[in-house]
């Protein structure tokens, strides 16, 4: 995965859509997948390899089309957004405050809360 870090380290972290468009949640694995665009991922970036685990699917244009978060119930949405921002900053990229706020807001919708509570 290191080659992807170098490749992506020079670009700005652009989500394919500034706000999430959908999500899915697997209760057995405690895995949340947040979708930003319905398009094929060209590669997957290992954002956090330890615990919680976070990966980002990136399209051919270098835009993030989806983010997978393993351990969402244990760590919560605030930790998720904070860890994403910190990790991308270490890679030389910034998640805009508007994008972070949008992601946090999406994860706190009634639908998302119901899915995570189930």
PDB file of N, CA and C in Angstrom:
ATOM      1  N   UNK A   1       0.802  -1.205   0.000  1.00  0.00           N
ATOM      2  CA  UNK A   1       0.000   0.000   0.000  1.00  0.00           C
ATOM      3  C   UNK A   1       0.845   1.269   0.000  1.00  0.00           C
ATOM      4  N   UNK A   2       2.107   1.206   0.327  1.00  0.00           N
ATOM      5  CA  UNK A   2       2.910   2.421   0.396  1.00  0.00           C
ATOM      6  C   UNK A   2       2.954   3.160  -0.926  1.00  0.00           C
ATOM      7  N   UNK A   3       2.954   2.448  -2.036  1.00  0.00           N
ATOM      8  CA  UNK A   3       3.009   3.159  -3.320  1.00  0.00           C
ATOM      9  C   UNK A   3       1.787   4.043  -3.515  1.00  0.00           C
ATOM     10  N   UNK A   4       0.633   3.640  -2.990  1.00  0.00           N
ATOM     11  CA  UNK A   4      -0.558   4.477  -3.097  1.00  0.00           C
ATOM     12  C   UNK A   4      -0.425   5.721  -2.233  1.00  0.00           C
ATOM     13  N   UNK A   5       0.205   5.585  -1.083  1.00  0.00           N
ATOM     14  CA  UNK A   5       0.419   6.747  -0.221  1.00  0.00           C
ATOM     15  C   UNK A   5       1.249   7.792  -0.952  1.00  0.00           C
ATOM     16  N   UNK A   6       2.305   7.359  -1.597  1.00  0.00           N
ATOM     17  CA  UNK A   6       3.145   8.301  -2.340  1.00  0.00           C
ATOM     18  C   UNK A   6       2.380   8.898  -3.513  1.00  0.00           C
ATOM     19  N   UNK A   7       1.641   8.080  -4.201  1.00  0.00           N
ATOM     20  CA  UNK A   7       0.888   8.539  -5.359  1.00  0.00           C
ATOM     21  C   UNK A   7      -0.178   9.548  -4.949  1.00  0.00           C
ATOM     22  N   UNK A   8      -0.874   9.270  -3.869  1.00  0.00           N
ATOM     23  CA  UNK A   8      -1.954  10.145  -3.443  1.00  0.00           C
ATOM     24  C   UNK A   8      -1.477  11.300  -2.579  1.00  0.00           C
ATOM     25  N   UNK A   9      -0.253  11.246  -2.089  1.00  0.00           N
ATOM     26  CA  UNK A   9       0.235  12.261  -1.179  1.00  0.00           C
ATOM     27  C   UNK A   9       0.328  13.647  -1.771  1.00  0.00           C
ATOM     28  N   UNK A  10       0.402  13.759  -3.089  1.00  0.00           N
ATOM     29  CA  UNK A  10       0.548  15.067  -3.723  1.00  0.00           C
ATOM     30  C   UNK A  10      -0.767  15.680  -4.170  1.00  0.00           C
ATOM     31  N   UNK A  11      -1.852  14.978  -4.052  1.00  0.00           N
ATOM     32  CA  UNK A  11      -3.106  15.537  -4.530  1.00  0.00           C
ATOM     33  C   UNK A  11      -3.970  16.006  -3.371  1.00  0.00           C
ATOM     34  N   UNK A  12      -4.911  16.856  -3.656  1.00  0.00           N
ATOM     35  CA  UNK A  12      -5.848  17.324  -2.651  1.00  0.00           C
ATOM     36  C   UNK A  12      -6.904  16.254  -2.434  1.00  0.00           C
ATOM     37  N   UNK A  13      -7.366  16.079  -1.201  1.00  0.00           N
ATOM     38  CA  UNK A  13      -8.393  15.061  -0.949  1.00  0.00           C
ATOM     39  C   UNK A  13      -9.753  15.536  -1.411  1.00  0.00           C
ATOM     40  N   UNK A  14     -10.110  15.154  -2.590  1.00  0.00           N
ATOM     41  CA  UNK A  14     -11.373  15.585  -3.168  1.00  0.00           C
ATOM     42  C   UNK A  14     -12.333  14.410  -3.152  1.00  0.00           C
ATOM     43  N   UNK A  15     -13.434  14.587  -2.437  1.00  0.00           N
ATOM     44  CA  UNK A  15     -14.486  13.579  -2.486  1.00  0.00           C
ATOM     45  C   UNK A  15     -15.194  13.728  -3.829  1.00  0.00           C
ATOM     46  N   UNK A  16     -15.664  12.637  -4.387  1.00  0.00           N
ATOM     47  CA  UNK A  16     -16.359  12.672  -5.667  1.00  0.00           C
ATOM     48  C   UNK A  16     -17.631  13.503  -5.565  1.00  0.00           C
ATOM     49  N   UNK A  17     -18.149  13.640  -4.376  1.00  0.00           N
ATOM     50  CA  UNK A  17     -19.323  14.460  -4.094  1.00  0.00           C
ATOM     51  C   UNK A  17     -19.053  15.071  -2.723  1.00  0.00           C
ATOM     52  N   UNK A  18     -19.302  16.360  -2.521  1.00  0.00           N
ATOM     53  CA  UNK A  18     -18.976  16.955  -1.223  1.00  0.00           C
ATOM     54  C   UNK A  18     -19.812  16.418  -0.063  1.00  0.00           C
ATOM     55  N   UNK A  19     -20.930  15.801  -0.374  1.00  0.00           N
ATOM     56  CA  UNK A  19     -21.753  15.202   0.680  1.00  0.00           C
ATOM     57  C   UNK A  19     -21.993  13.734   0.357  1.00  0.00           C
ATOM     58  N   UNK A  20     -22.034  12.886   1.371  1.00  0.00           N
ATOM     59  CA  UNK A  20     -22.318  11.467   1.116  1.00  0.00           C
ATOM     60  C   UNK A  20     -23.692  11.294   0.471  1.00  0.00           C
ATOM     61  N   UNK A  21     -23.816  10.287  -0.391  1.00  0.00           N
ATOM     62  CA  UNK A  21     -25.094  10.050  -1.054  1.00  0.00           C
ATOM     63  C   UNK A  21     -25.805   8.807  -0.531  1.00  0.00           C
ATOM     64  N   UNK A  22     -25.063   7.944   0.162  1.00  0.00           N
ATOM     65  CA  UNK A  22     -25.675   6.711   0.662  1.00  0.00           C
ATOM     66  C   UNK A  22     -24.727   6.055   1.659  1.00  0.00           C
ATOM     67  N   UNK A  23     -25.228   5.041   2.329  1.00  0.00           N
ATOM     68  CA  UNK A  23     -24.393   4.261   3.229  1.00  0.00           C
ATOM     69  C   UNK A  23     -24.969   2.867   3.322  1.00  0.00           C
ATOM     70  N   UNK A  24     -24.145   1.946   3.772  1.00  0.00           N
ATOM     71  CA  UNK A  24     -24.625   0.614   4.116  1.00  0.00           C
ATOM     72  C   UNK A  24     -23.920   0.231   5.414  1.00  0.00           C
ATOM     73  N   UNK A  25     -24.592  -0.604   6.186  1.00  0.00           N
ATOM     74  CA  UNK A  25     -24.024  -1.006   7.470  1.00  0.00           C
ATOM     75  C   UNK A  25     -24.190  -2.499   7.653  1.00  0.00           C
ATOM     76  N   UNK A  26     -23.091  -3.185   7.976  1.00  0.00           N
ATOM     77  CA  UNK A  26     -23.093  -4.613   8.264  1.00  0.00           C
ATOM     78  C   UNK A  26     -22.947  -4.754   9.774  1.00  0.00           C
ATOM     79  N   UNK A  27     -24.029  -5.159  10.417  1.00  0.00           N
ATOM     80  CA  UNK A  27     -24.060  -5.239  11.870  1.00  0.00           C
ATOM     81  C   UNK A  27     -23.109  -6.307  12.415  1.00  0.00           C
ATOM     82  N   UNK A  28     -23.019  -7.446  11.727  1.00  0.00           N
ATOM     83  CA  UNK A  28     -22.153  -8.529  12.214  1.00  0.00           C
ATOM     84  C   UNK A  28     -20.690  -8.111  12.276  1.00  0.00           C
ATOM     85  N   UNK A  29     -20.232  -7.387  11.290  1.00  0.00           N
ATOM     86  CA  UNK A  29     -18.833  -6.959  11.268  1.00  0.00           C
ATOM     87  C   UNK A  29     -18.612  -5.561  11.805  1.00  0.00           C
ATOM     88  N   UNK A  30     -19.702  -4.861  12.154  1.00  0.00           N
ATOM     89  CA  UNK A  30     -19.640  -3.467  12.600  1.00  0.00           C
ATOM     90  C   UNK A  30     -18.908  -2.619  11.570  1.00  0.00           C
ATOM     91  N   UNK A  31     -19.345  -2.770  10.299  1.00  0.00           N
ATOM     92  CA  UNK A  31     -18.703  -2.094   9.179  1.00  0.00           C
ATOM     93  C   UNK A  31     -19.685  -1.114   8.543  1.00  0.00           C
ATOM     94  N   UNK A  32     -19.273   0.141   8.473  1.00  0.00           N
ATOM     95  CA  UNK A  32     -20.055   1.177   7.809  1.00  0.00           C
ATOM     96  C   UNK A  32     -19.349   1.544   6.518  1.00  0.00           C
ATOM     97  N   UNK A  33     -20.098   1.587   5.402  1.00  0.00           N
ATOM     98  CA  UNK A  33     -19.543   2.043   4.133  1.00  0.00           C
ATOM     99  C   UNK A  33     -20.322   3.276   3.713  1.00  0.00           C
ATOM    100  N   UNK A  34     -19.625   4.394   3.584  1.00  0.00           N
ATOM    101  CA  UNK A  34     -20.244   5.659   3.185  1.00  0.00           C
ATOM    102  C   UNK A  34     -19.901   5.897   1.724  1.00  0.00           C
ATOM    103  N   UNK A  35     -20.935   6.068   0.901  1.00  0.00           N
ATOM    104  CA  UNK A  35     -20.767   6.241  -0.544  1.00  0.00           C
ATOM    105  C   UNK A  35     -20.834   7.718  -0.915  1.00  0.00           C
ATOM    106  N   UNK A  36     -19.862   8.159  -1.711  1.00  0.00           N
ATOM    107  CA  UNK A  36     -19.855   9.528  -2.218  1.00  0.00           C
ATOM    108  C   UNK A  36     -20.195   9.597  -3.693  1.00  0.00           C
ATOM    109  N   UNK A  37     -20.033   8.495  -4.408  1.00  0.00           N
ATOM    110  CA  UNK A  37     -20.368   8.438  -5.834  1.00  0.00           C
ATOM    111  C   UNK A  37     -20.587   6.985  -6.221  1.00  0.00           C
ATOM    112  N   UNK A  38     -21.492   6.773  -7.150  1.00  0.00           N
ATOM    113  CA  UNK A  38     -21.757   5.424  -7.644  1.00  0.00           C
ATOM    114  C   UNK A  38     -20.907   5.169  -8.880  1.00  0.00           C
ATOM    115  N   UNK A  39     -19.643   4.943  -8.631  1.00  0.00           N
ATOM    116  CA  UNK A  39     -18.728   4.613  -9.711  1.00  0.00           C
ATOM    117  C   UNK A  39     -17.670   3.659  -9.198  1.00  0.00           C
ATOM    118  N   UNK A  40     -17.022   3.019 -10.127  1.00  0.00           N
ATOM    119  CA  UNK A  40     -16.041   1.994  -9.782  1.00  0.00           C
ATOM    120  C   UNK A  40     -14.784   2.620  -9.181  1.00  0.00           C
ATOM    121  N   UNK A  41     -14.260   1.965  -8.160  1.00  0.00           N
ATOM    122  CA  UNK A  41     -13.007   2.405  -7.552  1.00  0.00           C
ATOM    123  C   UNK A  41     -11.832   1.870  -8.362  1.00  0.00           C
ATOM    124  N   UNK A  42     -10.862   2.719  -8.611  1.00  0.00           N
ATOM    125  CA  UNK A  42      -9.657   2.308  -9.326  1.00  0.00           C
ATOM    126  C   UNK A  42      -8.652   1.674  -8.367  1.00  0.00           C
ATOM    127  N   UNK A  43      -8.690   2.107  -7.117  1.00  0.00           N
ATOM    128  CA  UNK A  43      -7.790   1.561  -6.100  1.00  0.00           C
ATOM    129  C   UNK A  43      -8.359   1.866  -4.718  1.00  0.00           C
ATOM    130  N   UNK A  44      -7.826   1.180  -3.742  1.00  0.00           N
ATOM    131  CA  UNK A  44      -8.234   1.374  -2.362  1.00  0.00           C
ATOM    132  C   UNK A  44      -7.031   1.830  -1.551  1.00  0.00           C
ATOM    133  N   UNK A  45      -7.218   2.883  -0.787  1.00  0.00           N
ATOM    134  CA  UNK A  45      -6.173   3.435   0.063  1.00  0.00           C
ATOM    135  C   UNK A  45      -6.426   2.996   1.493  1.00  0.00           C
ATOM    136  N   UNK A  46      -5.451   2.401   2.114  1.00  0.00           N
ATOM    137  CA  UNK A  46      -5.547   1.986   3.507  1.00  0.00           C
ATOM    138  C   UNK A  46      -5.274   3.221   4.363  1.00  0.00           C
ATOM    139  N   UNK A  47      -6.321   3.822   4.898  1.00  0.00           N
ATOM    140  CA  UNK A  47      -6.187   5.056   5.663  1.00  0.00           C
ATOM    141  C   UNK A  47      -5.717   4.755   7.079  1.00  0.00           C
ATOM    142  N   UNK A  48      -6.380   3.830   7.740  1.00  0.00           N
ATOM    143  CA  UNK A  48      -5.988   3.378   9.076  1.00  0.00           C
ATOM    144  C   UNK A  48      -5.922   1.856   9.050  1.00  0.00           C
ATOM    145  N   UNK A  49      -4.721   1.292   9.109  1.00  0.00           N
ATOM    146  CA  UNK A  49      -4.596  -0.158   8.999  1.00  0.00           C
ATOM    147  C   UNK A  49      -4.836  -0.906  10.305  1.00  0.00           C
ATOM    148  N   UNK A  50      -4.822  -0.204  11.419  1.00  0.00           N
ATOM    149  CA  UNK A  50      -4.948  -0.860  12.711  1.00  0.00           C
ATOM    150  C   UNK A  50      -6.410  -0.909  13.153  1.00  0.00           C
ATOM    151  N   UNK A  51      -6.693  -0.450  14.341  1.00  0.00           N
ATOM    152  CA  UNK A  51      -8.056  -0.481  14.860  1.00  0.00           C
ATOM    153  C   UNK A  51      -8.428   0.871  15.393  1.00  0.00           C
ATOM    154  N   UNK A  52      -9.474   1.528  14.939  1.00  0.00           N
ATOM    155  CA  UNK A  52     -10.410   1.045  13.933  1.00  0.00           C
ATOM    156  C   UNK A  52      -9.764   1.056  12.548  1.00  0.00           C
ATOM    157  N   UNK A  53     -10.283   0.224  11.655  1.00  0.00           N
ATOM    158  CA  UNK A  53      -9.765   0.150  10.296  1.00  0.00           C
ATOM    159  C   UNK A  53     -10.588   1.068   9.402  1.00  0.00           C
ATOM    160  N   UNK A  54      -9.896   1.822   8.547  1.00  0.00           N
ATOM    161  CA  UNK A  54     -10.557   2.715   7.604  1.00  0.00           C
ATOM    162  C   UNK A  54      -9.859   2.592   6.261  1.00  0.00           C
ATOM    163  N   UNK A  55     -10.648   2.378   5.211  1.00  0.00           N
ATOM    164  CA  UNK A  55     -10.118   2.383   3.852  1.00  0.00           C
ATOM    165  C   UNK A  55     -10.923   3.368   3.026  1.00  0.00           C
ATOM    166  N   UNK A  56     -10.309   3.889   1.977  1.00  0.00           N
ATOM    167  CA  UNK A  56     -10.983   4.813   1.068  1.00  0.00           C
ATOM    168  C   UNK A  56     -10.855   4.281  -0.348  1.00  0.00           C
ATOM    169  N   UNK A  57     -11.971   4.190  -1.041  1.00  0.00           N
ATOM    170  CA  UNK A  57     -11.965   3.815  -2.460  1.00  0.00           C
ATOM    171  C   UNK A  57     -11.830   5.084  -3.278  1.00  0.00           C
ATOM    172  N   UNK A  58     -10.903   5.045  -4.239  1.00  0.00           N
ATOM    173  CA  UNK A  58     -10.572   6.218  -5.038  1.00  0.00           C
ATOM    174  C   UNK A  58     -10.789   5.893  -6.512  1.00  0.00           C
ATOM    175  N   UNK A  59     -11.364   6.839  -7.259  1.00  0.00           N
ATOM    176  CA  UNK A  59     -11.590   6.617  -8.691  1.00  0.00           C
ATOM    177  C   UNK A  59     -10.355   7.006  -9.507  1.00  0.00           C
ATOM    178  N   UNK A  60     -10.447   6.914 -10.833  1.00  0.00           N
ATOM    179  CA  UNK A  60      -9.316   7.226 -11.711  1.00  0.00           C
ATOM    180  C   UNK A  60      -8.894   8.690 -11.639  1.00  0.00           C
ATOM    181  N   UNK A  61      -9.792   9.576 -11.235  1.00  0.00           N
ATOM    182  CA  UNK A  61      -9.483  10.999 -11.133  1.00  0.00           C
ATOM    183  C   UNK A  61      -8.903  11.361  -9.761  1.00  0.00           C
ATOM    184  N   UNK A  62      -8.733  10.373  -8.899  1.00  0.00           N
ATOM    185  CA  UNK A  62      -8.183  10.626  -7.578  1.00  0.00           C
ATOM    186  C   UNK A  62      -9.209  11.114  -6.575  1.00  0.00           C
ATOM    187  N   UNK A  63     -10.478  10.969  -6.893  1.00  0.00           N
ATOM    188  CA  UNK A  63     -11.536  11.389  -5.987  1.00  0.00           C
ATOM    189  C   UNK A  63     -11.992  10.216  -5.132  1.00  0.00           C
ATOM    190  N   UNK A  64     -12.318  10.495  -3.875  1.00  0.00           N
ATOM    191  CA  UNK A  64     -12.800   9.458  -2.972  1.00  0.00           C
ATOM    192  C   UNK A  64     -14.259   9.171  -3.284  1.00  0.00           C
ATOM    193  N   UNK A  65     -14.548   7.911  -3.649  1.00  0.00           N
ATOM    194  CA  UNK A  65     -15.921   7.522  -3.982  1.00  0.00           C
ATOM    195  C   UNK A  65     -16.601   6.771  -2.849  1.00  0.00           C
ATOM    196  N   UNK A  66     -15.822   6.300  -1.870  1.00  0.00           N
ATOM    197  CA  UNK A  66     -16.399   5.595  -0.748  1.00  0.00           C
ATOM    198  C   UNK A  66     -15.388   5.419   0.366  1.00  0.00           C
ATOM    199  N   UNK A  67     -15.902   5.351   1.595  1.00  0.00           N
ATOM    200  CA  UNK A  67     -15.053   5.148   2.762  1.00  0.00           C
ATOM    201  C   UNK A  67     -15.651   4.015   3.585  1.00  0.00           C
ATOM    202  N   UNK A  68     -14.813   3.036   3.935  1.00  0.00           N
ATOM    203  CA  UNK A  68     -15.241   1.923   4.772  1.00  0.00           C
ATOM    204  C   UNK A  68     -14.640   2.092   6.164  1.00  0.00           C
ATOM    205  N   UNK A  69     -15.489   1.936   7.167  1.00  0.00           N
ATOM    206  CA  UNK A  69     -15.094   2.157   8.562  1.00  0.00           C
ATOM    207  C   UNK A  69     -15.474   0.924   9.370  1.00  0.00           C
ATOM    208  N   UNK A  70     -14.475   0.190   9.846  1.00  0.00           N
ATOM    209  CA  UNK A  70     -14.703  -1.012  10.644  1.00  0.00           C
ATOM    210  C   UNK A  70     -14.499  -0.647  12.115  1.00  0.00           C
ATOM    211  N   UNK A  71     -15.540  -0.822  12.912  1.00  0.00           N
ATOM    212  CA  UNK A  71     -15.488  -0.481  14.329  1.00  0.00           C
ATOM    213  C   UNK A  71     -16.304   0.747  14.670  1.00  0.00           C
ATOM    214  N   UNK A  72     -17.285   1.043  13.835  1.00  0.00           N
ATOM    215  CA  UNK A  72     -18.050   2.281  13.992  1.00  0.00           C
ATOM    216  C   UNK A  72     -18.800   2.361  15.321  1.00  0.00           C
ATOM    217  N   UNK A  73     -19.395   1.268  15.776  1.00  0.00           N
ATOM    218  CA  UNK A  73     -20.132   1.327  17.046  1.00  0.00           C
ATOM    219  C   UNK A  73     -19.189   1.527  18.221  1.00  0.00           C
ATOM    220  N   UNK A  74     -18.037   0.906  18.157  1.00  0.00           N
ATOM    221  CA  UNK A  74     -17.086   1.010  19.252  1.00  0.00           C
ATOM    222  C   UNK A  74     -16.467   2.407  19.345  1.00  0.00           C
ATOM    223  N   UNK A  75     -16.172   3.011  18.214  1.00  0.00           N
ATOM    224  CA  UNK A  75     -15.445   4.276  18.222  1.00  0.00           C
ATOM    225  C   UNK A  75     -16.309   5.501  17.922  1.00  0.00           C
ATOM    226  N   UNK A  76     -17.417   5.346  17.211  1.00  0.00           N
ATOM    227  CA  UNK A  76     -18.329   6.441  16.955  1.00  0.00           C
ATOM    228  C   UNK A  76     -17.944   7.333  15.790  1.00  0.00           C
ATOM    229  N   UNK A  77     -18.874   8.218  15.439  1.00  0.00           N
ATOM    230  CA  UNK A  77     -18.702   9.065  14.264  1.00  0.00           C
ATOM    231  C   UNK A  77     -17.704  10.195  14.484  1.00  0.00           C
ATOM    232  N   UNK A  78     -17.649  10.768  15.671  1.00  0.00           N
ATOM    233  CA  UNK A  78     -16.704  11.854  15.921  1.00  0.00           C
ATOM    234  C   UNK A  78     -15.264  11.361  15.813  1.00  0.00           C
ATOM    235  N   UNK A  79     -14.995  10.196  16.360  1.00  0.00           N
ATOM    236  CA  UNK A  79     -13.650   9.611  16.265  1.00  0.00           C
ATOM    237  C   UNK A  79     -13.311   9.311  14.815  1.00  0.00           C
ATOM    238  N   UNK A  80     -14.289   8.801  14.068  1.00  0.00           N
ATOM    239  CA  UNK A  80     -14.089   8.487  12.655  1.00  0.00           C
ATOM    240  C   UNK A  80     -13.651   9.724  11.872  1.00  0.00           C
ATOM    241  N   UNK A  81     -14.375  10.809  12.000  1.00  0.00           N
ATOM    242  CA  UNK A  81     -14.054  12.026  11.255  1.00  0.00           C
ATOM    243  C   UNK A  81     -12.708  12.590  11.720  1.00  0.00           C
ATOM    244  N   UNK A  82     -12.451  12.577  13.019  1.00  0.00           N
ATOM    245  CA  UNK A  82     -11.178  13.081  13.545  1.00  0.00           C
ATOM    246  C   UNK A  82     -10.008  12.259  13.005  1.00  0.00           C
ATOM    247  N   UNK A  83     -10.139  10.925  13.041  1.00  0.00           N
ATOM    248  CA  UNK A  83      -9.071  10.064  12.537  1.00  0.00           C
ATOM    249  C   UNK A  83      -8.838  10.250  11.045  1.00  0.00           C
ATOM    250  N   UNK A  84      -9.915  10.407  10.287  1.00  0.00           N
ATOM    251  CA  UNK A  84      -9.760  10.656   8.846  1.00  0.00           C
ATOM    252  C   UNK A  84      -8.970  11.933   8.606  1.00  0.00           C
ATOM    253  N   UNK A  85      -9.354  13.001   9.290  1.00  0.00           N
ATOM    254  CA  UNK A  85      -8.663  14.278   9.109  1.00  0.00           C
ATOM    255  C   UNK A  85      -7.195  14.170   9.501  1.00  0.00           C
ATOM    256  N   UNK A  86      -6.908  13.545  10.640  1.00  0.00           N
ATOM    257  CA  UNK A  86      -5.524  13.405  11.097  1.00  0.00           C
ATOM    258  C   UNK A  86      -4.692  12.582  10.126  1.00  0.00           C
ATOM    259  N   UNK A  87      -5.247  11.467   9.676  1.00  0.00           N
ATOM    260  CA  UNK A  87      -4.486  10.574   8.799  1.00  0.00           C
ATOM    261  C   UNK A  87      -4.217  11.224   7.442  1.00  0.00           C
ATOM    262  N   UNK A  88      -5.227  11.861   6.872  1.00  0.00           N
ATOM    263  CA  UNK A  88      -5.015  12.528   5.588  1.00  0.00           C
ATOM    264  C   UNK A  88      -4.004  13.663   5.735  1.00  0.00           C
ATOM    265  N   UNK A  89      -4.022  14.350   6.864  1.00  0.00           N
ATOM    266  CA  UNK A  89      -3.045  15.415   7.106  1.00  0.00           C
ATOM    267  C   UNK A  89      -1.631  14.831   7.102  1.00  0.00           C
ATOM    268  N   UNK A  90      -1.450  13.650   7.697  1.00  0.00           N
ATOM    269  CA  UNK A  90      -0.135  12.992   7.689  1.00  0.00           C
ATOM    270  C   UNK A  90       0.304  12.634   6.273  1.00  0.00           C
ATOM    271  N   UNK A  91      -0.661  12.413   5.402  1.00  0.00           N
ATOM    272  CA  UNK A  91      -0.356  12.086   4.004  1.00  0.00           C
ATOM    273  C   UNK A  91      -0.189  13.344   3.152  1.00  0.00           C
ATOM    274  N   UNK A  92      -0.237  14.528   3.794  1.00  0.00           N
ATOM    275  CA  UNK A  92      -0.065  15.785   3.070  1.00  0.00           C
ATOM    276  C   UNK A  92      -1.327  16.288   2.406  1.00  0.00           C
ATOM    277  N   UNK A  93      -2.484  15.828   2.891  1.00  0.00           N
ATOM    278  CA  UNK A  93      -3.750  16.236   2.299  1.00  0.00           C
ATOM    279  C   UNK A  93      -4.657  16.785   3.391  1.00  0.00           C
ATOM    280  N   UNK A  94      -5.617  17.583   2.999  1.00  0.00           N
ATOM    281  CA  UNK A  94      -6.558  18.162   3.958  1.00  0.00           C
ATOM    282  C   UNK A  94      -7.991  17.848   3.552  1.00  0.00           C
ATOM    283  N   UNK A  95      -8.780  17.453   4.514  1.00  0.00           N
ATOM    284  CA  UNK A  95     -10.219  17.330   4.300  1.00  0.00           C
ATOM    285  C   UNK A  95     -10.806  18.681   4.689  1.00  0.00           C
ATOM    286  N   UNK A  96     -11.505  19.302   3.774  1.00  0.00           N
ATOM    287  CA  UNK A  96     -12.093  20.617   4.038  1.00  0.00           C
ATOM    288  C   UNK A  96     -13.078  20.521   5.189  1.00  0.00           C
ATOM    289  N   UNK A  97     -13.178  21.584   5.958  1.00  0.00           N
ATOM    290  CA  UNK A  97     -14.106  21.613   7.094  1.00  0.00           C
ATOM    291  C   UNK A  97     -15.539  21.347   6.634  1.00  0.00           C
ATOM    292  N   UNK A  98     -15.891  21.865   5.460  1.00  0.00           N
ATOM    293  CA  UNK A  98     -17.243  21.655   4.921  1.00  0.00           C
ATOM    294  C   UNK A  98     -17.489  20.165   4.672  1.00  0.00           C
ATOM    295  N   UNK A  99     -16.482  19.475   4.136  1.00  0.00           N
ATOM    296  CA  UNK A  99     -16.610  18.045   3.873  1.00  0.00           C
ATOM    297  C   UNK A  99     -16.685  17.251   5.175  1.00  0.00           C
ATOM    298  N   UNK A 100     -15.857  17.621   6.147  1.00  0.00           N
ATOM    299  CA  UNK A 100     -15.878  16.938   7.444  1.00  0.00           C
ATOM    300  C   UNK A 100     -17.220  17.150   8.136  1.00  0.00           C
ATOM    301  N   UNK A 101     -17.729  18.382   8.087  1.00  0.00           N
ATOM    302  CA  UNK A 101     -19.020  18.689   8.715  1.00  0.00           C
ATOM    303  C   UNK A 101     -20.146  17.934   8.014  1.00  0.00           C
ATOM    304  N   UNK A 102     -20.064  17.825   6.690  1.00  0.00           N
ATOM    305  CA  UNK A 102     -21.072  17.107   5.927  1.00  0.00           C
ATOM    306  C   UNK A 102     -21.072  15.631   6.288  1.00  0.00           C
ATOM    307  N   UNK A 103     -19.889  15.048   6.408  1.00  0.00           N
ATOM    308  CA  UNK A 103     -19.776  13.636   6.769  1.00  0.00           C
ATOM    309  C   UNK A 103     -20.306  13.398   8.176  1.00  0.00           C
ATOM    310  N   UNK A 104     -19.962  14.273   9.105  1.00  0.00           N
ATOM    311  CA  UNK A 104     -20.438  14.148  10.482  1.00  0.00           C
ATOM    312  C   UNK A 104     -21.959  14.281  10.531  1.00  0.00           C
ATOM    313  N   UNK A 105     -22.482  15.238   9.805  1.00  0.00           N
ATOM    314  CA  UNK A 105     -23.930  15.453   9.766  1.00  0.00           C
ATOM    315  C   UNK A 105     -24.643  14.234   9.191  1.00  0.00           C
ATOM    316  N   UNK A 106     -24.078  13.662   8.132  1.00  0.00           N
ATOM    317  CA  UNK A 106     -24.667  12.486   7.507  1.00  0.00           C
ATOM    318  C   UNK A 106     -24.710  11.315   8.475  1.00  0.00           C
ATOM    319  N   UNK A 107     -23.639  11.139   9.238  1.00  0.00           N
ATOM    320  CA  UNK A 107     -23.574  10.012  10.157  1.00  0.00           C
ATOM    321  C   UNK A 107     -24.494  10.187  11.361  1.00  0.00           C
ATOM    322  N   UNK A 108     -25.019  11.390  11.545  1.00  0.00           N
ATOM    323  CA  UNK A 108     -25.916  11.637  12.665  1.00  0.00           C
ATOM    324  C   UNK A 108     -27.374  11.781  12.231  1.00  0.00           C
ATOM    325  N   UNK A 109     -27.667  11.403  10.982  1.00  0.00           N
ATOM    326  CA  UNK A 109     -29.055  11.424  10.538  1.00  0.00           C
ATOM    327  C   UNK A 109     -29.837  10.344  11.265  1.00  0.00           C
ATOM    328  N   UNK A 110     -31.129  10.487  11.300  1.00  0.00           N
ATOM    329  CA  UNK A 110     -31.992   9.514  11.973  1.00  0.00           C
ATOM    330  C   UNK A 110     -31.813   8.115  11.371  1.00  0.00           C
ATOM    331  N   UNK A 111     -31.708   8.043  10.038  1.00  0.00           N
ATOM    332  CA  UNK A 111     -31.545   6.757   9.364  1.00  0.00           C
ATOM    333  C   UNK A 111     -30.241   6.074   9.768  1.00  0.00           C
ATOM    334  N   UNK A 112     -29.145   6.846   9.802  1.00  0.00           N
ATOM    335  CA  UNK A 112     -27.864   6.275  10.186  1.00  0.00           C
ATOM    336  C   UNK A 112     -27.876   5.831  11.646  1.00  0.00           C
ATOM    337  N   UNK A 113     -28.456   6.647  12.510  1.00  0.00           N
ATOM    338  CA  UNK A 113     -28.524   6.283  13.922  1.00  0.00           C
ATOM    339  C   UNK A 113     -29.350   5.011  14.134  1.00  0.00           C
ATOM    340  N   UNK A 114     -30.455   4.868  13.400  1.00  0.00           N
ATOM    341  CA  UNK A 114     -31.267   3.656  13.503  1.00  0.00           C
ATOM    342  C   UNK A 114     -30.505   2.430  13.027  1.00  0.00           C
ATOM    343  N   UNK A 115     -29.783   2.577  11.927  1.00  0.00           N
ATOM    344  CA  UNK A 115     -29.013   1.449  11.396  1.00  0.00           C
ATOM    345  C   UNK A 115     -27.941   1.019  12.382  1.00  0.00           C
ATOM    346  N   UNK A 116     -27.259   1.986  12.982  1.00  0.00           N
ATOM    347  CA  UNK A 116     -26.195   1.670  13.929  1.00  0.00           C
ATOM    348  C   UNK A 116     -26.731   1.148  15.255  1.00  0.00           C
ATOM    349  N   UNK A 117     -27.951   1.534  15.601  1.00  0.00           N
ATOM    350  CA  UNK A 117     -28.551   1.069  16.849  1.00  0.00           C
ATOM    351  C   UNK A 117     -29.075  -0.356  16.735  1.00  0.00           C
ATOM    352  N   UNK A 118     -29.406  -0.777  15.492  1.00  0.00           N
ATOM    353  CA  UNK A 118     -30.002  -2.092  15.271  1.00  0.00           C
ATOM    354  C   UNK A 118     -29.020  -3.154  15.423  1.00  0.00           C
TER     355      UNK A 118
END
